[in-house]
């Protein structure tokens, strides 16, 4: 993965880097668990984004890695993230392992309060 100096990484490059790292880690035999990309949020609803991203990944990655990659647009449109949060909040284990308190957050966190 090569970037020109002073240039930000494109979405397809960032995703390809993640897929490449997952493949290199060899966590599963067939690698199918990381080959389905589900987009979420308002920008993910841009017409043709899923198709273009999938095509760019197929062009950017070696065929041994990109075979089987699918990019899926948000199933609930711009409300996908909200629907996911709703599902998690209704679990019997919520908030348990899903949340941390402000005291549990490491002091040198990058988050701003």
C-alpha atoms as a PDB file:
ATOM      1  CA  UNK A   1       0.000   0.000   0.000  1.00  0.00           C
ATOM      2  CA  UNK A   2       1.749   3.142  -1.183  1.00  0.00           C
ATOM      3  CA  UNK A   3       0.622   6.711  -0.618  1.00  0.00           C
ATOM      4  CA  UNK A   4       2.040   9.844  -2.111  1.00  0.00           C
ATOM      5  CA  UNK A   5       3.593  12.207   0.461  1.00  0.00           C
ATOM      6  CA  UNK A   6       1.104  14.712   1.841  1.00  0.00           C
ATOM      7  CA  UNK A   7      -1.913  12.697   0.701  1.00  0.00           C
ATOM      8  CA  UNK A   8      -4.566  11.220   2.934  1.00  0.00           C
ATOM      9  CA  UNK A   9      -5.456   7.563   2.574  1.00  0.00           C
ATOM     10  CA  UNK A  10      -8.598   6.927   0.547  1.00  0.00           C
ATOM     11  CA  UNK A  11     -11.461   4.876   1.924  1.00  0.00           C
ATOM     12  CA  UNK A  12     -10.669   1.964  -0.389  1.00  0.00           C
ATOM     13  CA  UNK A  13      -7.002   2.080   0.669  1.00  0.00           C
ATOM     14  CA  UNK A  14      -7.840   2.101   4.390  1.00  0.00           C
ATOM     15  CA  UNK A  15     -10.265  -0.778   3.955  1.00  0.00           C
ATOM     16  CA  UNK A  16      -7.807  -2.707   1.769  1.00  0.00           C
ATOM     17  CA  UNK A  17      -5.143  -2.275   4.455  1.00  0.00           C
ATOM     18  CA  UNK A  18      -7.500  -3.713   7.086  1.00  0.00           C
ATOM     19  CA  UNK A  19      -8.459  -6.643   4.863  1.00  0.00           C
ATOM     20  CA  UNK A  20      -4.800  -7.286   4.067  1.00  0.00           C
ATOM     21  CA  UNK A  21      -3.884  -7.309   7.773  1.00  0.00           C
ATOM     22  CA  UNK A  22      -6.764  -9.652   8.595  1.00  0.00           C
ATOM     23  CA  UNK A  23      -5.689 -12.004   5.824  1.00  0.00           C
ATOM     24  CA  UNK A  24      -2.043 -11.897   6.942  1.00  0.00           C
ATOM     25  CA  UNK A  25      -3.053 -12.683  10.536  1.00  0.00           C
ATOM     26  CA  UNK A  26      -4.501 -16.008   9.343  1.00  0.00           C
ATOM     27  CA  UNK A  27      -7.116 -16.053  12.058  1.00  0.00           C
ATOM     28  CA  UNK A  28      -9.422 -18.346  10.117  1.00  0.00           C
ATOM     29  CA  UNK A  29      -8.794 -20.886   7.421  1.00  0.00           C
ATOM     30  CA  UNK A  30     -11.024 -19.411   4.743  1.00  0.00           C
ATOM     31  CA  UNK A  31     -10.846 -15.717   5.680  1.00  0.00           C
ATOM     32  CA  UNK A  32     -14.547 -15.248   4.999  1.00  0.00           C
ATOM     33  CA  UNK A  33     -15.310 -13.459   8.266  1.00  0.00           C
ATOM     34  CA  UNK A  34     -13.665 -10.199   7.178  1.00  0.00           C
ATOM     35  CA  UNK A  35     -14.870 -10.217   3.580  1.00  0.00           C
ATOM     36  CA  UNK A  36     -18.291  -8.710   4.222  1.00  0.00           C
ATOM     37  CA  UNK A  37     -18.171  -4.946   4.720  1.00  0.00           C
ATOM     38  CA  UNK A  38     -21.364  -3.320   5.981  1.00  0.00           C
ATOM     39  CA  UNK A  39     -21.442   0.437   5.561  1.00  0.00           C
ATOM     40  CA  UNK A  40     -23.231   2.601   8.133  1.00  0.00           C
ATOM     41  CA  UNK A  41     -24.108   6.245   8.579  1.00  0.00           C
ATOM     42  CA  UNK A  42     -25.337   9.052   6.388  1.00  0.00           C
ATOM     43  CA  UNK A  43     -22.362   9.236   4.027  1.00  0.00           C
ATOM     44  CA  UNK A  44     -22.640   5.507   3.382  1.00  0.00           C
ATOM     45  CA  UNK A  45     -26.004   6.199   1.723  1.00  0.00           C
ATOM     46  CA  UNK A  46     -24.386   8.068  -1.167  1.00  0.00           C
ATOM     47  CA  UNK A  47     -25.705   6.516  -4.391  1.00  0.00           C
ATOM     48  CA  UNK A  48     -23.263   3.971  -5.820  1.00  0.00           C
ATOM     49  CA  UNK A  49     -20.777   4.129  -2.914  1.00  0.00           C
ATOM     50  CA  UNK A  50     -21.037   0.426  -2.026  1.00  0.00           C
ATOM     51  CA  UNK A  51     -20.628  -0.687  -5.645  1.00  0.00           C
ATOM     52  CA  UNK A  52     -17.695   1.664  -6.272  1.00  0.00           C
ATOM     53  CA  UNK A  53     -15.925   0.669  -3.057  1.00  0.00           C
ATOM     54  CA  UNK A  54     -16.331  -3.013  -3.879  1.00  0.00           C
ATOM     55  CA  UNK A  55     -14.950  -2.456  -7.397  1.00  0.00           C
ATOM     56  CA  UNK A  56     -11.988  -0.446  -6.068  1.00  0.00           C
ATOM     57  CA  UNK A  57     -11.179  -3.170  -3.540  1.00  0.00           C
ATOM     58  CA  UNK A  58     -11.205  -5.780  -6.308  1.00  0.00           C
ATOM     59  CA  UNK A  59      -8.893  -3.570  -8.384  1.00  0.00           C
ATOM     60  CA  UNK A  60      -6.598  -2.729  -5.464  1.00  0.00           C
ATOM     61  CA  UNK A  61      -6.150  -6.091  -3.709  1.00  0.00           C
ATOM     62  CA  UNK A  62      -4.616  -9.270  -5.103  1.00  0.00           C
ATOM     63  CA  UNK A  63      -7.228 -11.723  -6.380  1.00  0.00           C
ATOM     64  CA  UNK A  64      -6.239 -14.268  -3.731  1.00  0.00           C
ATOM     65  CA  UNK A  65      -7.520 -11.856  -1.072  1.00  0.00           C
ATOM     66  CA  UNK A  66     -10.355 -10.004  -2.799  1.00  0.00           C
ATOM     67  CA  UNK A  67     -12.314 -13.053  -3.982  1.00  0.00           C
ATOM     68  CA  UNK A  68     -15.577 -13.056  -2.068  1.00  0.00           C
ATOM     69  CA  UNK A  69     -15.405  -9.475  -0.780  1.00  0.00           C
ATOM     70  CA  UNK A  70     -18.836  -7.846  -0.630  1.00  0.00           C
ATOM     71  CA  UNK A  71     -19.677  -4.276   0.343  1.00  0.00           C
ATOM     72  CA  UNK A  72     -23.232  -3.854   1.580  1.00  0.00           C
ATOM     73  CA  UNK A  73     -24.980  -0.474   1.788  1.00  0.00           C
ATOM     74  CA  UNK A  74     -26.702   0.462   5.051  1.00  0.00           C
ATOM     75  CA  UNK A  75     -29.748  -1.799   5.433  1.00  0.00           C
ATOM     76  CA  UNK A  76     -31.669   0.884   7.349  1.00  0.00           C
ATOM     77  CA  UNK A  77     -30.307   3.898   5.488  1.00  0.00           C
ATOM     78  CA  UNK A  78     -28.964   6.730   7.613  1.00  0.00           C
ATOM     79  CA  UNK A  79     -30.529   5.173  10.728  1.00  0.00           C
ATOM     80  CA  UNK A  80     -28.370   2.015  10.679  1.00  0.00           C
ATOM     81  CA  UNK A  81     -26.143   3.121  13.570  1.00  0.00           C
ATOM     82  CA  UNK A  82     -29.214   4.033  15.627  1.00  0.00           C
ATOM     83  CA  UNK A  83     -30.815   0.623  14.960  1.00  0.00           C
ATOM     84  CA  UNK A  84     -27.602  -1.128  16.016  1.00  0.00           C
ATOM     85  CA  UNK A  85     -27.436   0.861  19.252  1.00  0.00           C
ATOM     86  CA  UNK A  86     -31.098   0.053  19.899  1.00  0.00           C
ATOM     87  CA  UNK A  87     -30.422  -3.685  19.508  1.00  0.00           C
ATOM     88  CA  UNK A  88     -27.433  -3.582  21.871  1.00  0.00           C
ATOM     89  CA  UNK A  89     -29.286  -1.525  24.491  1.00  0.00           C
ATOM     90  CA  UNK A  90     -32.084  -4.129  24.565  1.00  0.00           C
ATOM     91  CA  UNK A  91     -29.721  -7.002  25.398  1.00  0.00           C
ATOM     92  CA  UNK A  92     -29.994  -8.463  28.887  1.00  0.00           C
ATOM     93  CA  UNK A  93     -26.218  -7.959  29.309  1.00  0.00           C
ATOM     94  CA  UNK A  94     -26.387  -4.219  28.629  1.00  0.00           C
ATOM     95  CA  UNK A  95     -24.623  -2.104  29.898  1.00  0.00           C
ATOM     96  CA  UNK A  96     -22.292  -4.734  31.447  1.00  0.00           C
ATOM     97  CA  UNK A  97     -19.361  -5.456  29.108  1.00  0.00           C
ATOM     98  CA  UNK A  98     -20.549  -2.931  26.501  1.00  0.00           C
ATOM     99  CA  UNK A  99     -19.866   0.234  28.487  1.00  0.00           C
ATOM    100  CA  UNK A 100     -17.219   1.720  30.722  1.00  0.00           C
ATOM    101  CA  UNK A 101     -17.524   4.543  33.204  1.00  0.00           C
ATOM    102  CA  UNK A 102     -15.572   7.760  33.017  1.00  0.00           C
ATOM    103  CA  UNK A 103     -13.387   6.529  35.917  1.00  0.00           C
ATOM    104  CA  UNK A 104     -12.497   3.358  33.972  1.00  0.00           C
ATOM    105  CA  UNK A 105     -11.309   5.346  30.957  1.00  0.00           C
ATOM    106  CA  UNK A 106      -7.485   5.532  30.823  1.00  0.00           C
ATOM    107  CA  UNK A 107      -6.136   8.961  31.774  1.00  0.00           C
ATOM    108  CA  UNK A 108      -4.157   9.350  28.552  1.00  0.00           C
ATOM    109  CA  UNK A 109      -7.126   8.681  26.361  1.00  0.00           C
ATOM    110  CA  UNK A 110      -7.496  10.605  23.127  1.00  0.00           C
ATOM    111  CA  UNK A 111     -11.121  11.332  23.929  1.00  0.00           C
ATOM    112  CA  UNK A 112     -11.995  14.863  25.004  1.00  0.00           C
ATOM    113  CA  UNK A 113     -14.521  15.397  27.818  1.00  0.00           C
END
